[in-house]
Structures are given as C-alpha cells and as structure tokens.
PDB file of all heavy atoms in Angstrom:
ATOM      1  N   PRO A   1      94.117 108.365-170.147  1.00  0.00           N
ATOM      2  CA  PRO A   1      93.547 107.674-171.302  1.00  0.00           C
ATOM      3  C   PRO A   1      92.711 108.580-172.197  1.00  0.00           C
ATOM      4  O   PRO A   1      92.462 108.252-173.349  1.00  0.00           O
ATOM      5  CB  PRO A   1      92.699 106.553-170.689  1.00  0.00           C
ATOM      6  CG  PRO A   1      92.461 106.958-169.296  1.00  0.00           C
ATOM      7  CD  PRO A   1      93.616 107.839-168.887  1.00  0.00           C
ATOM      8  N   ALA A   2      92.309 109.729-171.686  1.00  0.00           N
ATOM      9  CA  ALA A   2      91.555 110.680-172.508  1.00  0.00           C
ATOM     10  C   ALA A   2      92.474 111.509-173.400  1.00  0.00           C
ATOM     11  O   ALA A   2      92.001 112.308-174.200  1.00  0.00           O
ATOM     12  CB  ALA A   2      90.726 111.594-171.619  1.00  0.00           C
ATOM     13  N   GLN A   3      93.789 111.312-173.261  1.00  0.00           N
ATOM     14  CA  GLN A   3      94.742 112.087-174.046  1.00  0.00           C
ATOM     15  C   GLN A   3      95.667 111.221-174.892  1.00  0.00           C
ATOM     16  O   GLN A   3      96.554 111.730-175.552  1.00  0.00           O
ATOM     17  CB  GLN A   3      95.596 112.961-173.125  1.00  0.00           C
ATOM     18  CG  GLN A   3      94.788 114.008-172.407  1.00  0.00           C
ATOM     19  CD  GLN A   3      95.642 114.831-171.480  1.00  0.00           C
ATOM     20  OE1 GLN A   3      96.419 114.295-170.690  1.00  0.00           O
ATOM     21  NE2 GLN A   3      95.509 116.134-171.573  1.00  0.00           N
ATOM     22  N   LEU A   4      95.485 109.913-174.864  1.00  0.00           N
ATOM     23  CA  LEU A   4      96.392 109.009-175.565  1.00  0.00           C
ATOM     24  C   LEU A   4      95.639 108.250-176.654  1.00  0.00           C
ATOM     25  O   LEU A   4      94.623 107.624-176.393  1.00  0.00           O
ATOM     26  CB  LEU A   4      97.013 108.026-174.574  1.00  0.00           C
ATOM     27  CG  LEU A   4      98.104 107.121-175.104  1.00  0.00           C
ATOM     28  CD1 LEU A   4      99.278 107.923-175.669  1.00  0.00           C
ATOM     29  CD2 LEU A   4      98.591 106.189-174.008  1.00  0.00           C
ATOM     30  N   ILE A   5      96.149 108.319-177.876  1.00  0.00           N
ATOM     31  CA  ILE A   5      95.495 107.741-179.050  1.00  0.00           C
ATOM     32  C   ILE A   5      96.370 106.639-179.631  1.00  0.00           C
ATOM     33  O   ILE A   5      97.572 106.838-179.797  1.00  0.00           O
ATOM     34  CB  ILE A   5      95.276 108.821-180.126  1.00  0.00           C
ATOM     35  CG1 ILE A   5      94.464 109.987-179.562  1.00  0.00           C
ATOM     36  CG2 ILE A   5      94.609 108.225-181.364  1.00  0.00           C
ATOM     37  CD1 ILE A   5      94.529 111.241-180.413  1.00  0.00           C
ATOM     38  N   LEU A   6      95.773 105.507-179.946  1.00  0.00           N
ATOM     39  CA  LEU A   6      96.467 104.469-180.717  1.00  0.00           C
ATOM     40  C   LEU A   6      96.106 104.708-182.174  1.00  0.00           C
ATOM     41  O   LEU A   6      94.947 104.588-182.570  1.00  0.00           O
ATOM     42  CB  LEU A   6      96.067 103.067-180.271  1.00  0.00           C
ATOM     43  CG  LEU A   6      96.851 101.929-180.925  1.00  0.00           C
ATOM     44  CD1 LEU A   6      98.359 102.060-180.674  1.00  0.00           C
ATOM     45  CD2 LEU A   6      96.357 100.583-180.427  1.00  0.00           C
ATOM     46  N   ASP A   7      97.088 105.077-182.964  1.00  0.00           N
ATOM     47  CA  ASP A   7      96.879 105.506-184.343  1.00  0.00           C
ATOM     48  C   ASP A   7      97.222 104.401-185.336  1.00  0.00           C
ATOM     49  O   ASP A   7      97.980 103.498-185.023  1.00  0.00           O
ATOM     50  CB  ASP A   7      97.754 106.733-184.614  1.00  0.00           C
ATOM     51  CG  ASP A   7      97.294 107.535-185.811  1.00  0.00           C
ATOM     52  OD1 ASP A   7      96.225 107.248-186.382  1.00  0.00           O
ATOM     53  OD2 ASP A   7      98.016 108.484-186.172  1.00  0.00           O
ATOM     54  N   HIS A   8      96.681 104.499-186.525  1.00  0.00           N
ATOM     55  CA  HIS A   8      96.912 103.569-187.638  1.00  0.00           C
ATOM     56  C   HIS A   8      96.347 102.182-187.368  1.00  0.00           C
ATOM     57  O   HIS A   8      96.872 101.187-187.866  1.00  0.00           O
ATOM     58  CB  HIS A   8      98.405 103.473-188.000  1.00  0.00           C
ATOM     59  CG  HIS A   8      98.998 104.774-188.408  1.00  0.00           C
ATOM     60  ND1 HIS A   8      98.752 105.338-189.630  1.00  0.00           N
ATOM     61  CD2 HIS A   8      99.806 105.636-187.750  1.00  0.00           C
ATOM     62  CE1 HIS A   8      99.396 106.490-189.704  1.00  0.00           C
ATOM     63  NE2 HIS A   8     100.029 106.697-188.578  1.00  0.00           N
ATOM     64  N   CYS A   9      95.279 102.091-186.581  1.00  0.00           N
ATOM     65  CA  CYS A   9      94.655 100.794-186.294  1.00  0.00           C
ATOM     66  C   CYS A   9      94.071 100.229-187.587  1.00  0.00           C
ATOM     67  O   CYS A   9      93.227 100.851-188.213  1.00  0.00           O
ATOM     68  CB  CYS A   9      93.559 100.957-185.243  1.00  0.00           C
ATOM     69  SG  CYS A   9      94.185 101.500-183.655  1.00  0.00           S
ATOM     70  N   ASP A  10      94.540  99.041-187.960  1.00  0.00           N
ATOM     71  CA  ASP A  10      94.143  98.479-189.246  1.00  0.00           C
ATOM     72  C   ASP A  10      93.348  97.185-189.129  1.00  0.00           C
ATOM     73  O   ASP A  10      93.152  96.487-190.108  1.00  0.00           O
ATOM     74  CB  ASP A  10      95.368  98.268-190.131  1.00  0.00           C
ATOM     75  CG  ASP A  10      96.387  97.334-189.509  1.00  0.00           C
ATOM     76  OD1 ASP A  10      96.141  96.814-188.397  1.00  0.00           O
ATOM     77  OD2 ASP A  10      97.442  97.111-190.132  1.00  0.00           O
ATOM     78  N   GLY A  11      92.899  96.851-187.941  1.00  0.00           N
ATOM     79  CA  GLY A  11      92.117  95.630-187.782  1.00  0.00           C
ATOM     80  C   GLY A  11      91.875  95.300-186.331  1.00  0.00           C
ATOM     81  O   GLY A  11      92.295  96.025-185.429  1.00  0.00           O
ATOM     82  N   PRO A  12      91.207  94.185-186.091  1.00  0.00           N
ATOM     83  CA  PRO A  12      90.870  93.803-184.719  1.00  0.00           C
ATOM     84  C   PRO A  12      92.083  93.571-183.827  1.00  0.00           C
ATOM     85  O   PRO A  12      92.003  93.785-182.617  1.00  0.00           O
ATOM     86  CB  PRO A  12      90.057  92.526-184.874  1.00  0.00           C
ATOM     87  CG  PRO A  12      89.937  92.230-186.311  1.00  0.00           C
ATOM     88  CD  PRO A  12      90.660  93.283-187.077  1.00  0.00           C
ATOM     89  N   ASP A  13      93.204  93.124-184.380  1.00  0.00           N
ATOM     90  CA  ASP A  13      94.397  92.920-183.547  1.00  0.00           C
ATOM     91  C   ASP A  13      94.841  94.224-182.902  1.00  0.00           C
ATOM     92  O   ASP A  13      95.248  94.249-181.737  1.00  0.00           O
ATOM     93  CB  ASP A  13      95.546  92.331-184.365  1.00  0.00           C
ATOM     94  CG  ASP A  13      95.313  90.890-184.760  1.00  0.00           C
ATOM     95  OD1 ASP A  13      94.444  90.231-184.143  1.00  0.00           O
ATOM     96  OD2 ASP A  13      96.006  90.414-185.687  1.00  0.00           O
ATOM     97  N   ALA A  14      94.780  95.308-183.664  1.00  0.00           N
ATOM     98  CA  ALA A  14      95.157  96.618-183.125  1.00  0.00           C
ATOM     99  C   ALA A  14      94.223  97.030-182.003  1.00  0.00           C
ATOM    100  O   ALA A  14      94.667  97.485-180.943  1.00  0.00           O
ATOM    101  CB  ALA A  14      95.148  97.662-184.236  1.00  0.00           C
ATOM    102  N   LEU A  15      92.951  96.858-182.229  1.00  0.00           N
ATOM    103  CA  LEU A  15      91.966  97.245-181.214  1.00  0.00           C
ATOM    104  C   LEU A  15      92.077  96.371-179.973  1.00  0.00           C
ATOM    105  O   LEU A  15      91.977  96.865-178.843  1.00  0.00           O
ATOM    106  CB  LEU A  15      90.562  97.183-181.799  1.00  0.00           C
ATOM    107  CG  LEU A  15      90.325  98.082-183.023  1.00  0.00           C
ATOM    108  CD1 LEU A  15      88.928  97.864-183.571  1.00  0.00           C
ATOM    109  CD2 LEU A  15      90.577  99.533-182.696  1.00  0.00           C
ATOM    110  N   ASN A  16      92.317  95.082-180.152  1.00  0.00           N
ATOM    111  CA  ASN A  16      92.453  94.165-179.011  1.00  0.00           C
ATOM    112  C   ASN A  16      93.687  94.484-178.177  1.00  0.00           C
ATOM    113  O   ASN A  16      93.616  94.529-176.941  1.00  0.00           O
ATOM    114  CB  ASN A  16      92.490  92.717-179.485  1.00  0.00           C
ATOM    115  CG  ASN A  16      91.152  92.245-180.014  1.00  0.00           C
ATOM    116  OD1 ASN A  16      90.109  92.786-179.669  1.00  0.00           O
ATOM    117  ND2 ASN A  16      91.191  91.246-180.880  1.00  0.00           N
ATOM    118  N   LEU A  17      94.830  94.686-178.845  1.00  0.00           N
ATOM    119  CA  LEU A  17      96.048  95.005-178.104  1.00  0.00           C
ATOM    120  C   LEU A  17      95.893  96.356-177.411  1.00  0.00           C
ATOM    121  O   LEU A  17      96.233  96.503-176.234  1.00  0.00           O
ATOM    122  CB  LEU A  17      97.273  95.017-179.019  1.00  0.00           C
ATOM    123  CG  LEU A  17      98.595  95.383-178.349  1.00  0.00           C
ATOM    124  CD1 LEU A  17      98.948  94.389-177.245  1.00  0.00           C
ATOM    125  CD2 LEU A  17      99.711  95.463-179.366  1.00  0.00           C
ATOM    126  N   GLY A  18      95.371  97.327-178.136  1.00  0.00           N
ATOM    127  CA  GLY A  18      95.193  98.656-177.547  1.00  0.00           C
ATOM    128  C   GLY A  18      94.282  98.641-176.342  1.00  0.00           C
ATOM    129  O   GLY A  18      94.590  99.231-175.305  1.00  0.00           O
ATOM    130  N   THR A  19      93.166  97.952-176.449  1.00  0.00           N
ATOM    131  CA  THR A  19      92.237  97.856-175.330  1.00  0.00           C
ATOM    132  C   THR A  19      92.898  97.161-174.147  1.00  0.00           C
ATOM    133  O   THR A  19      92.757  97.592-173.000  1.00  0.00           O
ATOM    134  CB  THR A  19      90.958  97.101-175.751  1.00  0.00           C
ATOM    135  OG1 THR A  19      90.359  97.787-176.847  1.00  0.00           O
ATOM    136  CG2 THR A  19      89.976  97.010-174.611  1.00  0.00           C
ATOM    137  N   GLY A  20      93.652  96.107-174.431  1.00  0.00           N
ATOM    138  CA  GLY A  20      94.349  95.379-173.377  1.00  0.00           C
ATOM    139  C   GLY A  20      95.391  96.224-172.658  1.00  0.00           C
ATOM    140  O   GLY A  20      95.666  96.008-171.476  1.00  0.00           O
ATOM    141  N   LEU A  21      95.956  97.189-173.356  1.00  0.00           N
ATOM    142  CA  LEU A  21      96.960  98.064-172.750  1.00  0.00           C
ATOM    143  C   LEU A  21      96.345  99.292-172.091  1.00  0.00           C
ATOM    144  O   LEU A  21      97.047 100.066-171.453  1.00  0.00           O
ATOM    145  CB  LEU A  21      97.984  98.503-173.804  1.00  0.00           C
ATOM    146  CG  LEU A  21      98.956  97.424-174.258  1.00  0.00           C
ATOM    147  CD1 LEU A  21      99.781  97.910-175.443  1.00  0.00           C
ATOM    148  CD2 LEU A  21      99.876  97.012-173.121  1.00  0.00           C
ATOM    149  N   GLY A  22      95.049  99.493-172.269  1.00  0.00           N
ATOM    150  CA  GLY A  22      94.388 100.618-171.616  1.00  0.00           C
ATOM    151  C   GLY A  22      94.033 101.785-172.519  1.00  0.00           C
ATOM    152  O   GLY A  22      93.563 102.821-172.037  1.00  0.00           O
ATOM    153  N   PHE A  23      94.253 101.649-173.816  1.00  0.00           N
ATOM    154  CA  PHE A  23      93.845 102.721-174.721  1.00  0.00           C
ATOM    155  C   PHE A  23      92.323 102.819-174.759  1.00  0.00           C
ATOM    156  O   PHE A  23      91.622 101.807-174.724  1.00  0.00           O
ATOM    157  CB  PHE A  23      94.340 102.442-176.159  1.00  0.00           C
ATOM    158  CG  PHE A  23      95.783 102.737-176.379  1.00  0.00           C
ATOM    159  CD1 PHE A  23      96.731 101.743-176.198  1.00  0.00           C
ATOM    160  CD2 PHE A  23      96.201 103.991-176.788  1.00  0.00           C
ATOM    161  CE1 PHE A  23      98.069 101.993-176.419  1.00  0.00           C
ATOM    162  CE2 PHE A  23      97.534 104.255-177.005  1.00  0.00           C
ATOM    163  CZ  PHE A  23      98.476 103.250-176.817  1.00  0.00           C
ATOM    164  N   ARG A  24      91.832 104.044-174.858  1.00  0.00           N
ATOM    165  CA  ARG A  24      90.401 104.275-175.046  1.00  0.00           C
ATOM    166  C   ARG A  24      90.127 105.028-176.338  1.00  0.00           C
ATOM    167  O   ARG A  24      88.985 105.093-176.771  1.00  0.00           O
ATOM    168  CB  ARG A  24      89.838 105.075-173.877  1.00  0.00           C
ATOM    169  CG  ARG A  24      89.698 104.250-172.634  1.00  0.00           C
ATOM    170  CD  ARG A  24      88.727 104.933-171.691  1.00  0.00           C
ATOM    171  NE  ARG A  24      89.319 105.019-170.365  1.00  0.00           N
ATOM    172  CZ  ARG A  24      89.021 105.933-169.472  1.00  0.00           C
ATOM    173  NH1 ARG A  24      88.173 106.876-169.762  1.00  0.00           N
ATOM    174  NH2 ARG A  24      89.577 105.912-168.293  1.00  0.00           N
ATOM    175  N   LEU A  25      91.163 105.632-176.921  1.00  0.00           N
ATOM    176  CA  LEU A  25      91.012 106.397-178.157  1.00  0.00           C
ATOM    177  C   LEU A  25      91.788 105.707-179.274  1.00  0.00           C
ATOM    178  O   LEU A  25      92.960 105.366-179.102  1.00  0.00           O
ATOM    179  CB  LEU A  25      91.529 107.828-177.969  1.00  0.00           C
ATOM    180  CG  LEU A  25      90.861 108.645-176.869  1.00  0.00           C
ATOM    181  CD1 LEU A  25      91.561 109.986-176.705  1.00  0.00           C
ATOM    182  CD2 LEU A  25      89.386 108.853-177.185  1.00  0.00           C
TER     183      LEU A  25
END
C-alpha cells in the first residue's frame, strides 16, 4: 500500500472506494 496510488480522485466517492479497497495513497 505504500507503493500504490489511486490517481485522478475527483470527490468523496473516489476516496471511499479507494479506502475500501485498501489504498492509502
């Protein structure tokens, strides 16, 4: 998780899905 980035996050839905999948960046 210290090497994987969820890019182009444009709102809370992106952050919620990413967090739920284990993204930290």
